[in-house]
Amino acid sequence: MPTLEKLPYLRMFDLHEKAFIGKEMFCSAQGFPKLESLSLIELNNLEEWKVGEGAMPSLQRLEIQSCIQLKKLPDGLRFIVTLQEVKIGSMRKTFKDKVEEEVEDFCKVRHGLSIIFHDCEWYRSHCHLFYSAAALHAYHVKLCRWCEIFVL
């Protein structure tokens, strides 16, 4: 990440599977200055993600999908005032529960932030939790084909 976060014009970054094999990831202060969208998908070894205050100051959208060892969202996300949407999918129920504990108060302070969970309880049913009415509306407007089976 130290090299990538210095790219001045990087706006969208999708990190998949074997692109990152470490257990810890750190985004330092002033890292990723123009990044607007970040996706972390199937980073199977990732256990801890740290975000320094001042990192990713332009981030609007974050997606975390199938990072099964990740224990929690980084505390540094609280400092990203541009963040509008966090999508969390195919994660362990313990991760979902931890995020729910931490974000309830956070969302009360940060109006406009939507946190959307999908497919978080692997062994039971699909869950869809929305932390804002806008997120619920956007979800129904932009329904994915795979979601239609479970929602409709």
N, C-alpha and C. Protein backbone atom coordinates (compact mmCIF):
# COMPACT_ATOMS: atom_id res chain seq x y z
N MET A 1 0.80 -1.20 0.00
CA MET A 1 0.00 0.00 0.00
C MET A 1 0.85 1.27 0.00
N PRO A 2 2.05 1.27 0.56
CA PRO A 2 2.81 2.52 0.61
C PRO A 2 3.03 3.15 -0.76
N THR A 3 3.24 2.35 -1.78
CA THR A 3 3.45 2.90 -3.13
C THR A 3 2.13 3.32 -3.75
N LEU A 4 1.13 2.47 -3.66
CA LEU A 4 -0.16 2.76 -4.29
C LEU A 4 -0.84 3.99 -3.70
N GLU A 5 -0.73 4.18 -2.40
CA GLU A 5 -1.43 5.31 -1.78
C GLU A 5 -0.84 6.66 -2.16
N LYS A 6 0.31 6.65 -2.81
CA LYS A 6 0.93 7.90 -3.25
C LYS A 6 0.53 8.29 -4.67
N LEU A 7 -0.21 7.44 -5.37
CA LEU A 7 -0.65 7.76 -6.72
C LEU A 7 -1.64 8.92 -6.65
N PRO A 8 -1.30 10.08 -7.22
CA PRO A 8 -2.11 11.28 -7.01
C PRO A 8 -3.46 11.30 -7.72
N TYR A 9 -3.64 10.48 -8.76
CA TYR A 9 -4.89 10.56 -9.53
C TYR A 9 -5.72 9.29 -9.46
N LEU A 10 -5.38 8.38 -8.59
CA LEU A 10 -6.13 7.14 -8.46
C LEU A 10 -7.50 7.44 -7.85
N ARG A 11 -8.56 7.15 -8.59
CA ARG A 11 -9.92 7.45 -8.12
C ARG A 11 -10.71 6.20 -7.74
N MET A 12 -10.38 5.08 -8.35
CA MET A 12 -11.11 3.84 -8.09
C MET A 12 -10.09 2.72 -7.91
N PHE A 13 -10.26 1.93 -6.86
CA PHE A 13 -9.29 0.87 -6.57
C PHE A 13 -10.04 -0.36 -6.11
N ASP A 14 -9.92 -1.44 -6.87
CA ASP A 14 -10.51 -2.73 -6.51
C ASP A 14 -9.37 -3.69 -6.20
N LEU A 15 -9.32 -4.16 -5.00
CA LEU A 15 -8.28 -5.08 -4.56
C LEU A 15 -8.92 -6.46 -4.41
N HIS A 16 -8.50 -7.40 -5.25
CA HIS A 16 -9.11 -8.72 -5.29
C HIS A 16 -8.12 -9.80 -4.87
N GLU A 17 -8.65 -10.85 -4.32
CA GLU A 17 -7.99 -12.10 -3.97
C GLU A 17 -6.51 -11.99 -3.69
N LYS A 18 -5.68 -12.48 -4.58
CA LYS A 18 -4.25 -12.61 -4.32
C LYS A 18 -3.47 -11.32 -4.54
N ALA A 19 -4.15 -10.22 -4.81
CA ALA A 19 -3.47 -8.94 -4.99
C ALA A 19 -2.87 -8.44 -3.67
N PHE A 20 -3.44 -8.89 -2.55
CA PHE A 20 -2.91 -8.55 -1.23
C PHE A 20 -2.98 -9.80 -0.38
N ILE A 21 -1.83 -10.27 0.09
CA ILE A 21 -1.82 -11.53 0.84
C ILE A 21 -1.41 -11.36 2.30
N GLY A 22 -1.19 -10.13 2.73
CA GLY A 22 -0.78 -9.88 4.10
C GLY A 22 -1.93 -10.01 5.09
N LYS A 23 -1.58 -10.00 6.38
CA LYS A 23 -2.59 -10.07 7.43
C LYS A 23 -3.01 -8.68 7.89
N GLU A 24 -2.16 -7.68 7.69
CA GLU A 24 -2.46 -6.31 8.10
C GLU A 24 -2.31 -5.38 6.91
N MET A 25 -3.19 -4.41 6.83
CA MET A 25 -3.12 -3.40 5.78
C MET A 25 -3.23 -2.04 6.45
N PHE A 26 -2.41 -1.09 6.00
CA PHE A 26 -2.41 0.24 6.60
C PHE A 26 -2.49 1.30 5.53
N CYS A 27 -3.42 2.21 5.67
CA CYS A 27 -3.53 3.39 4.80
C CYS A 27 -3.12 4.58 5.65
N SER A 28 -2.01 5.19 5.30
CA SER A 28 -1.47 6.26 6.13
C SER A 28 -2.13 7.61 5.86
N ALA A 29 -1.91 8.54 6.77
CA ALA A 29 -2.45 9.89 6.62
C ALA A 29 -1.98 10.48 5.30
N GLN A 30 -2.85 11.15 4.62
CA GLN A 30 -2.64 11.74 3.31
C GLN A 30 -2.48 10.70 2.20
N GLY A 31 -2.71 9.43 2.51
CA GLY A 31 -2.66 8.39 1.48
C GLY A 31 -3.92 8.39 0.65
N PHE A 32 -3.81 8.02 -0.61
CA PHE A 32 -4.94 7.96 -1.55
C PHE A 32 -5.72 9.28 -1.57
N PRO A 33 -5.09 10.38 -1.96
CA PRO A 33 -5.73 11.69 -1.86
C PRO A 33 -6.97 11.88 -2.72
N LYS A 34 -7.07 11.20 -3.86
CA LYS A 34 -8.22 11.39 -4.76
C LYS A 34 -9.14 10.17 -4.84
N LEU A 35 -8.84 9.14 -4.07
CA LEU A 35 -9.61 7.90 -4.15
C LEU A 35 -11.07 8.13 -3.76
N GLU A 36 -11.98 7.73 -4.64
CA GLU A 36 -13.42 7.90 -4.39
C GLU A 36 -14.12 6.57 -4.11
N SER A 37 -13.58 5.48 -4.65
CA SER A 37 -14.22 4.17 -4.50
C SER A 37 -13.17 3.11 -4.21
N LEU A 38 -13.40 2.33 -3.16
CA LEU A 38 -12.48 1.27 -2.78
C LEU A 38 -13.26 -0.02 -2.55
N SER A 39 -12.79 -1.10 -3.18
CA SER A 39 -13.40 -2.42 -2.99
C SER A 39 -12.33 -3.39 -2.52
N LEU A 40 -12.61 -4.07 -1.43
CA LEU A 40 -11.75 -5.13 -0.91
C LEU A 40 -12.53 -6.42 -1.05
N ILE A 41 -12.07 -7.30 -1.93
CA ILE A 41 -12.84 -8.49 -2.26
C ILE A 41 -11.98 -9.75 -2.14
N GLU A 42 -12.45 -10.66 -1.31
CA GLU A 42 -11.82 -11.96 -1.09
C GLU A 42 -10.35 -11.85 -0.68
N LEU A 43 -10.06 -10.94 0.23
CA LEU A 43 -8.72 -10.85 0.80
C LEU A 43 -8.70 -11.80 1.99
N ASN A 44 -8.47 -13.05 1.71
CA ASN A 44 -8.68 -14.13 2.68
C ASN A 44 -7.75 -14.10 3.88
N ASN A 45 -6.59 -13.47 3.78
CA ASN A 45 -5.66 -13.41 4.91
C ASN A 45 -5.81 -12.15 5.75
N LEU A 46 -6.49 -11.15 5.22
CA LEU A 46 -6.58 -9.86 5.90
C LEU A 46 -7.33 -9.99 7.23
N GLU A 47 -6.63 -9.68 8.32
CA GLU A 47 -7.22 -9.73 9.66
C GLU A 47 -7.47 -8.34 10.22
N GLU A 48 -6.57 -7.42 9.90
CA GLU A 48 -6.68 -6.08 10.47
C GLU A 48 -6.38 -5.03 9.41
N TRP A 49 -7.22 -4.01 9.38
CA TRP A 49 -7.05 -2.90 8.44
C TRP A 49 -7.05 -1.62 9.26
N LYS A 50 -5.99 -0.84 9.10
CA LYS A 50 -5.87 0.42 9.83
C LYS A 50 -5.89 1.57 8.83
N VAL A 51 -6.59 2.62 9.20
CA VAL A 51 -6.69 3.81 8.37
C VAL A 51 -6.29 5.00 9.23
N GLY A 52 -5.22 5.68 8.82
CA GLY A 52 -4.76 6.85 9.56
C GLY A 52 -5.66 8.05 9.35
N GLU A 53 -5.69 8.93 10.33
CA GLU A 53 -6.50 10.15 10.21
C GLU A 53 -5.95 10.98 9.06
N GLY A 54 -6.82 11.35 8.14
CA GLY A 54 -6.41 12.11 6.96
C GLY A 54 -6.23 11.25 5.72
N ALA A 55 -6.32 9.94 5.88
CA ALA A 55 -6.21 9.04 4.72
C ALA A 55 -7.51 9.06 3.93
N MET A 56 -7.41 8.85 2.64
CA MET A 56 -8.55 8.74 1.73
C MET A 56 -9.58 9.86 1.93
N PRO A 57 -9.15 11.12 1.85
CA PRO A 57 -10.06 12.22 2.15
C PRO A 57 -11.20 12.42 1.14
N SER A 58 -11.14 11.74 0.00
CA SER A 58 -12.19 11.88 -1.02
C SER A 58 -13.07 10.64 -1.14
N LEU A 59 -12.84 9.64 -0.29
CA LEU A 59 -13.56 8.37 -0.41
C LEU A 59 -15.06 8.57 -0.21
N GLN A 60 -15.84 8.05 -1.17
CA GLN A 60 -17.30 8.13 -1.10
C GLN A 60 -17.93 6.76 -0.92
N ARG A 61 -17.31 5.73 -1.50
CA ARG A 61 -17.91 4.40 -1.51
C ARG A 61 -16.88 3.36 -1.10
N LEU A 62 -17.27 2.49 -0.18
CA LEU A 62 -16.41 1.40 0.28
C LEU A 62 -17.20 0.11 0.20
N GLU A 63 -16.58 -0.91 -0.37
CA GLU A 63 -17.19 -2.24 -0.41
C GLU A 63 -16.21 -3.25 0.18
N ILE A 64 -16.71 -4.06 1.10
CA ILE A 64 -15.92 -5.15 1.68
C ILE A 64 -16.70 -6.42 1.44
N GLN A 65 -16.09 -7.33 0.71
CA GLN A 65 -16.79 -8.55 0.29
C GLN A 65 -15.88 -9.76 0.54
N SER A 66 -16.37 -10.71 1.29
CA SER A 66 -15.70 -12.00 1.49
C SER A 66 -14.28 -11.89 2.03
N CYS A 67 -14.03 -10.94 2.91
CA CYS A 67 -12.75 -10.85 3.62
C CYS A 67 -12.96 -11.55 4.96
N ILE A 68 -12.94 -12.86 4.92
CA ILE A 68 -13.47 -13.67 6.02
C ILE A 68 -12.66 -13.61 7.32
N GLN A 69 -11.42 -13.16 7.27
CA GLN A 69 -10.62 -13.07 8.49
C GLN A 69 -10.65 -11.67 9.12
N LEU A 70 -11.19 -10.69 8.40
CA LEU A 70 -11.21 -9.32 8.90
C LEU A 70 -12.08 -9.24 10.15
N LYS A 71 -11.53 -8.63 11.19
CA LYS A 71 -12.20 -8.61 12.48
C LYS A 71 -13.16 -7.43 12.66
N LYS A 72 -12.81 -6.26 12.08
CA LYS A 72 -13.65 -5.08 12.27
C LYS A 72 -13.31 -4.03 11.23
N LEU A 73 -14.17 -3.02 11.13
CA LEU A 73 -13.87 -1.87 10.29
C LEU A 73 -12.81 -1.03 10.99
N PRO A 74 -11.96 -0.37 10.22
CA PRO A 74 -10.94 0.47 10.86
C PRO A 74 -11.56 1.70 11.51
N ASP A 75 -11.04 2.06 12.67
CA ASP A 75 -11.53 3.24 13.39
C ASP A 75 -11.34 4.52 12.57
N GLY A 76 -10.31 4.55 11.74
CA GLY A 76 -10.00 5.73 10.95
C GLY A 76 -11.06 6.11 9.94
N LEU A 77 -12.00 5.22 9.65
CA LEU A 77 -13.09 5.56 8.73
C LEU A 77 -13.94 6.70 9.27
N ARG A 78 -13.94 6.87 10.57
CA ARG A 78 -14.74 7.93 11.21
C ARG A 78 -14.32 9.33 10.74
N PHE A 79 -13.07 9.45 10.30
CA PHE A 79 -12.54 10.75 9.91
C PHE A 79 -12.79 11.09 8.44
N ILE A 80 -13.35 10.16 7.69
CA ILE A 80 -13.59 10.39 6.27
C ILE A 80 -14.99 10.97 6.11
N VAL A 81 -15.07 12.27 6.05
CA VAL A 81 -16.37 12.95 6.03
C VAL A 81 -17.07 12.82 4.67
N THR A 82 -16.34 12.44 3.64
CA THR A 82 -16.94 12.29 2.31
C THR A 82 -17.59 10.93 2.12
N LEU A 83 -17.36 10.00 3.03
CA LEU A 83 -17.88 8.63 2.88
C LEU A 83 -19.41 8.63 2.95
N GLN A 84 -20.02 8.09 1.88
CA GLN A 84 -21.48 8.07 1.78
C GLN A 84 -22.07 6.68 1.89
N GLU A 85 -21.32 5.67 1.43
CA GLU A 85 -21.90 4.33 1.37
C GLU A 85 -20.84 3.28 1.71
N VAL A 86 -21.22 2.36 2.59
CA VAL A 86 -20.39 1.21 2.91
C VAL A 86 -21.23 -0.03 2.65
N LYS A 87 -20.76 -0.89 1.76
CA LYS A 87 -21.45 -2.15 1.47
C LYS A 87 -20.60 -3.28 2.03
N ILE A 88 -21.25 -4.13 2.80
CA ILE A 88 -20.56 -5.25 3.43
C ILE A 88 -21.29 -6.52 3.03
N GLY A 89 -20.58 -7.45 2.41
CA GLY A 89 -21.24 -8.66 1.95
C GLY A 89 -20.41 -9.92 2.14
N SER A 90 -21.11 -11.01 2.31
CA SER A 90 -20.50 -12.33 2.45
C SER A 90 -19.41 -12.35 3.52
N MET A 91 -19.75 -11.79 4.67
CA MET A 91 -18.82 -11.75 5.79
C MET A 91 -19.39 -12.61 6.92
N ARG A 92 -18.53 -12.96 7.84
CA ARG A 92 -18.97 -13.74 9.00
C ARG A 92 -19.97 -12.94 9.83
N LYS A 93 -20.85 -13.64 10.47
CA LYS A 93 -21.86 -12.98 11.32
C LYS A 93 -21.20 -12.21 12.45
N THR A 94 -20.09 -12.70 12.97
CA THR A 94 -19.39 -12.00 14.05
C THR A 94 -18.89 -10.63 13.59
N PHE A 95 -18.44 -10.54 12.34
CA PHE A 95 -18.01 -9.25 11.79
C PHE A 95 -19.20 -8.31 11.69
N LYS A 96 -20.29 -8.81 11.14
CA LYS A 96 -21.52 -8.01 10.98
C LYS A 96 -21.98 -7.49 12.34
N ASP A 97 -21.99 -8.37 13.34
CA ASP A 97 -22.43 -7.97 14.68
C ASP A 97 -21.52 -6.89 15.27
N LYS A 98 -20.21 -7.04 15.06
CA LYS A 98 -19.24 -6.06 15.57
C LYS A 98 -19.46 -4.71 14.90
N VAL A 99 -19.67 -4.72 13.59
CA VAL A 99 -19.91 -3.48 12.86
C VAL A 99 -21.20 -2.82 13.34
N GLU A 100 -22.24 -3.61 13.53
CA GLU A 100 -23.51 -3.05 14.00
C GLU A 100 -23.35 -2.37 15.35
N GLU A 101 -22.57 -2.96 16.24
CA GLU A 101 -22.33 -2.36 17.56
C GLU A 101 -21.66 -1.00 17.42
N GLU A 102 -20.67 -0.92 16.54
CA GLU A 102 -19.87 0.29 16.42
C GLU A 102 -20.54 1.39 15.61
N VAL A 103 -21.33 1.04 14.61
CA VAL A 103 -21.84 2.06 13.70
C VAL A 103 -23.14 2.71 14.13
N GLU A 104 -23.84 2.13 15.04
CA GLU A 104 -25.13 2.70 15.42
C GLU A 104 -24.97 4.14 15.89
N ASP A 105 -24.05 4.38 16.79
CA ASP A 105 -23.80 5.74 17.27
C ASP A 105 -23.15 6.59 16.18
N PHE A 106 -22.27 5.98 15.42
CA PHE A 106 -21.56 6.69 14.36
C PHE A 106 -22.53 7.25 13.32
N CYS A 107 -23.53 6.46 12.95
CA CYS A 107 -24.51 6.89 11.94
C CYS A 107 -25.41 8.00 12.46
N LYS A 108 -25.62 8.05 13.77
CA LYS A 108 -26.44 9.13 14.34
C LYS A 108 -25.73 10.47 14.16
N VAL A 109 -24.41 10.44 14.26
CA VAL A 109 -23.62 11.66 14.13
C VAL A 109 -23.41 12.00 12.66
N ARG A 110 -23.14 11.00 11.84
CA ARG A 110 -22.83 11.19 10.42
C ARG A 110 -24.06 10.96 9.57
N HIS A 111 -24.89 11.96 9.41
CA HIS A 111 -26.07 11.85 8.56
C HIS A 111 -25.62 11.70 7.11
N GLY A 112 -26.33 10.89 6.37
CA GLY A 112 -26.00 10.69 4.97
C GLY A 112 -25.14 9.47 4.71
N LEU A 113 -24.62 8.84 5.75
CA LEU A 113 -23.83 7.63 5.57
C LEU A 113 -24.76 6.43 5.57
N SER A 114 -24.66 5.61 4.53
CA SER A 114 -25.46 4.39 4.43
C SER A 114 -24.56 3.19 4.60
N ILE A 115 -24.96 2.28 5.47
CA ILE A 115 -24.23 1.03 5.65
C ILE A 115 -25.18 -0.09 5.29
N ILE A 116 -24.81 -0.87 4.30
CA ILE A 116 -25.68 -1.91 3.76
C ILE A 116 -25.01 -3.26 3.93
N PHE A 117 -25.72 -4.16 4.58
CA PHE A 117 -25.24 -5.54 4.73
C PHE A 117 -26.03 -6.43 3.78
N HIS A 118 -25.35 -7.38 3.16
CA HIS A 118 -26.06 -8.40 2.39
C HIS A 118 -25.29 -9.71 2.49
N ASP A 119 -26.05 -10.78 2.55
CA ASP A 119 -25.48 -12.12 2.59
C ASP A 119 -24.44 -12.28 3.71
N CYS A 120 -24.80 -11.82 4.90
CA CYS A 120 -23.84 -11.84 6.01
C CYS A 120 -24.00 -13.02 6.94
N GLU A 121 -25.06 -13.74 6.81
CA GLU A 121 -25.26 -14.90 7.68
C GLU A 121 -25.25 -16.13 6.79
N TRP A 122 -24.07 -16.62 6.52
CA TRP A 122 -23.87 -17.69 5.55
C TRP A 122 -24.72 -18.91 5.81
N TYR A 123 -24.89 -19.28 7.05
CA TYR A 123 -25.49 -20.57 7.35
C TYR A 123 -26.99 -20.50 7.61
N ARG A 124 -27.56 -19.32 7.61
CA ARG A 124 -29.00 -19.19 7.83
C ARG A 124 -29.62 -18.58 6.58
N SER A 125 -30.03 -17.37 6.66
CA SER A 125 -30.67 -16.74 5.51
C SER A 125 -29.91 -15.48 5.13
N HIS A 126 -30.32 -14.87 4.06
CA HIS A 126 -29.68 -13.64 3.62
C HIS A 126 -30.24 -12.49 4.43
N CYS A 127 -29.37 -11.58 4.82
CA CYS A 127 -29.83 -10.46 5.63
C CYS A 127 -29.65 -9.17 4.86
N HIS A 128 -30.55 -8.28 5.05
CA HIS A 128 -30.49 -6.96 4.42
C HIS A 128 -30.82 -5.94 5.50
N LEU A 129 -29.81 -5.22 5.96
CA LEU A 129 -30.02 -4.20 6.97
C LEU A 129 -29.61 -2.85 6.39
N PHE A 130 -30.39 -1.85 6.63
CA PHE A 130 -30.12 -0.54 6.09
C PHE A 130 -30.11 0.46 7.23
N TYR A 131 -29.11 1.32 7.26
CA TYR A 131 -29.01 2.31 8.31
C TYR A 131 -29.49 3.68 7.88
N SER A 132 -30.19 3.75 6.75
CA SER A 132 -30.83 5.01 6.37
C SER A 132 -31.93 4.73 5.36
N ALA A 133 -32.93 5.59 5.34
CA ALA A 133 -34.03 5.42 4.38
C ALA A 133 -33.51 5.59 2.96
N ALA A 134 -32.54 6.46 2.78
CA ALA A 134 -31.97 6.69 1.44
C ALA A 134 -31.31 5.41 0.93
N ALA A 135 -30.64 4.69 1.81
CA ALA A 135 -29.99 3.44 1.40
C ALA A 135 -31.02 2.41 0.99
N LEU A 136 -32.10 2.33 1.74
CA LEU A 136 -33.16 1.39 1.41
C LEU A 136 -33.75 1.72 0.05
N HIS A 137 -34.03 2.98 -0.19
CA HIS A 137 -34.58 3.39 -1.48
C HIS A 137 -33.59 3.10 -2.61
N ALA A 138 -32.33 3.45 -2.42
CA ALA A 138 -31.31 3.22 -3.45
C ALA A 138 -31.17 1.73 -3.73
N TYR A 139 -31.27 0.93 -2.69
CA TYR A 139 -31.16 -0.52 -2.86
C TYR A 139 -32.26 -1.05 -3.75
N HIS A 140 -33.48 -0.61 -3.53
CA HIS A 140 -34.60 -1.08 -4.34
C HIS A 140 -34.52 -0.55 -5.77
N VAL A 141 -34.02 0.66 -5.93
CA VAL A 141 -33.91 1.23 -7.27
C VAL A 141 -32.84 0.51 -8.08
N LYS A 142 -31.74 0.14 -7.44
CA LYS A 142 -30.61 -0.47 -8.14
C LYS A 142 -30.49 -1.96 -7.84
N LEU A 143 -31.57 -2.65 -7.72
CA LEU A 143 -31.51 -4.07 -7.35
C LEU A 143 -30.68 -4.88 -8.33
N CYS A 144 -29.80 -5.66 -7.79
CA CYS A 144 -29.02 -6.58 -8.61
C CYS A 144 -29.88 -7.80 -8.91
N ARG A 145 -29.58 -8.48 -9.98
CA ARG A 145 -30.35 -9.67 -10.34
C ARG A 145 -30.31 -10.72 -9.23
N TRP A 146 -29.16 -10.91 -8.63
CA TRP A 146 -29.05 -11.95 -7.60
C TRP A 146 -29.83 -11.59 -6.35
N CYS A 147 -30.07 -10.31 -6.13
CA CYS A 147 -30.84 -9.89 -4.95
C CYS A 147 -32.33 -10.09 -5.16
N GLU A 148 -32.79 -9.98 -6.39
CA GLU A 148 -34.21 -10.08 -6.66
C GLU A 148 -34.79 -11.40 -6.16
N ILE A 149 -34.02 -12.44 -6.22
CA ILE A 149 -34.47 -13.76 -5.78
C ILE A 149 -34.83 -13.73 -4.30
N PHE A 150 -34.01 -13.02 -3.50
CA PHE A 150 -34.18 -13.05 -2.06
C PHE A 150 -35.08 -11.94 -1.52
N VAL A 151 -35.19 -10.83 -2.24
CA VAL A 151 -35.93 -9.69 -1.72
C VAL A 151 -37.38 -9.69 -2.17
N LEU A 152 -37.62 -10.04 -3.42
CA LEU A 152 -38.98 -9.95 -3.97
C LEU A 152 -39.86 -11.09 -3.57
